[in-house]
Amino acid sequence: MRFLLIITLVGFQAASAWADSRTEVLEKMNNSASTIGIEDVKSWRIFFDGVLEITQTPQPISSRFNMNTVWPGMDGWAEVTRWAEENEHMRGVFIESSKRTLVGFPYGSESVPDNYKAKDIVADIGVDGHLHLFNFGYVESVKLACLWSTAELYRLMDMGEFDSAIELLMSELNVLRKFCDREFLQEQIAFMTVLDDALSNTRDMLYTFKDSITAEQFRFIAKTGIPSLRTDPARLLMPEGDYFVGEALLRGLFTSTGDPNPAKFREVLTDIQIRKEPISRLGASRYWTYISLNHRGSEDSLKRLDKIYDDWWRRWKMRPFHPQLDVESELKRSNQVTYAAVKLIMHDMQDLFYQRDLLTTQINGTAVSAALCGYKKHFGVYPRSVKMMYAQLLHRSNNYDLFHPIEMRTARDWKLYINPSDKFLYRVLEKDTRISTKAGEVVVSKGQCLLYSVFANNEDDRGLDGIEDLILWPSLRVLERNAGLLD
């Protein structure tokens, strides 16, 4: 009986400590830059109340039916347009939400109404008693709203209602941009990816209806609408949620004297590792028992956590291609054994840096694409150079490829440039040109133009490989559909 009582008390203390840590983290998260403020400046209630009213989709959302597969030539388009029209209330939801300063969606399932929880519209941490487990179910509701928006945009443009469509388009993009300012790495990458998709869809629409949209409408999109989606370090918040959770997790791994607690190392870190990697629980458990005997104490571990995060913060604020970005990060420099717990808990934010560069390149490429359409609409031909559109149709600051550094003689030369990124690659085609894509080959006709990024390999493949280069214009997806390569 006494033995059972001890187990009960230990279990109660552990649960209480977890609950206190979770409460502390939630308090920090709900007073962060992305959530704090009066309700009048937040859009989350307007947005998700609207999503809850969306009727059943014509098809189950899947890899074959989502915001990237909807278009006027698809099978079942008539049903999709009817569904889009019957959910017209979402137009006002997007427009009003875009006017609010921030989304402000609170963290913790207890912070949202019951009808939200019933539909998994939550941003929860500490799921099932594990502080390191998150449930960002609300992301799927945002994707549902964007599916509706994509269908409605095509429906409006198909009917020739371009002013109405452009207003909805810019509202959708602005709302998604606000969602990118969330507090966890997982959230930011998810929403940056959705915004990437929305920008790609935007270029699809511009290409599909380029003969019907006016030069002035293209100019608005290129010079006013798209440039408002700024993603520079001064505007795009760096996520802090992972740091706060990591700090709370670390504090729980040590005894009151600051020494590693073998039982906690084995319990908590084993669970984290097996969720990240295909490894047996037994093997991981033995590993963390060994690590606990050699790990630094709580004070040193927390200092190392701060050092790693401060390093990411400095890198976040640096200009593209800063020489310091090539220096090994504090995370990678940390000892594999004495700081093993810190390294496991702290996420590598390099993926977020890559995603930010990709998103910025997509934003800039969409602005340039709209300007090209405006120029073609006005003059009847594409410009010989993107520079010919500066001032009247395009901001110079949008003609930058974040994957393409300016060639410099020394590492110090980057200080000489306002932006060390080079321009997009562009040319008017002098003959019919074949481009390889994942779906097959497409042909871009003579007299058309080609706008592309060197992309991750930082090599100019002449825009002939839609996998190695990021083709921004023309829309490869529309060309693939027209060629019968996509459904």
Foldseek 3Di string as FASTA:
>chain_A
DVVVVVVVVVVVVLLVLLVVLQVVLLVDQCCDPQADDDPVQAQQVLQVVLLVPQDDAPDPDDPCAFLLNDACVDPPLVVLLVSLVVSVVLLVSLLVRLPHPANNAGADPVVDDPVCVVQQCHFYACPPNFRHDTRNVNLVSLRVSSSSLSSVLNVCVVVLNNVSSVSSLLSNLSRLLRQLQHADLVSNLSSLVVSLSSLLSLLVVCLVCLVRDALVSLLCCQAPRLVVSDLALVPRDDHDSLLSSLLSLLVVQADPVFAGDLVSQLPRVLVLVVVVDVDDSVVSSVVSSVLSVQADGSVVLNVLSVQQVVQVVVVSNDAQPQVVVPDDGSLVVDDCRRNVSSNSSDDDCPVVVLSSLVSLLSSLLSSLSSLQSSCCNVPVAGDQDSVVSDPPRHPPVSQFRSQAFDDDPDSVCCVVDPHRTDGWDKGQAQAWAWAADPLGIFIDGHRHMWTWHCPNVNDCPVRRYCVRIPTSPPSVVSRCVVVVSGD
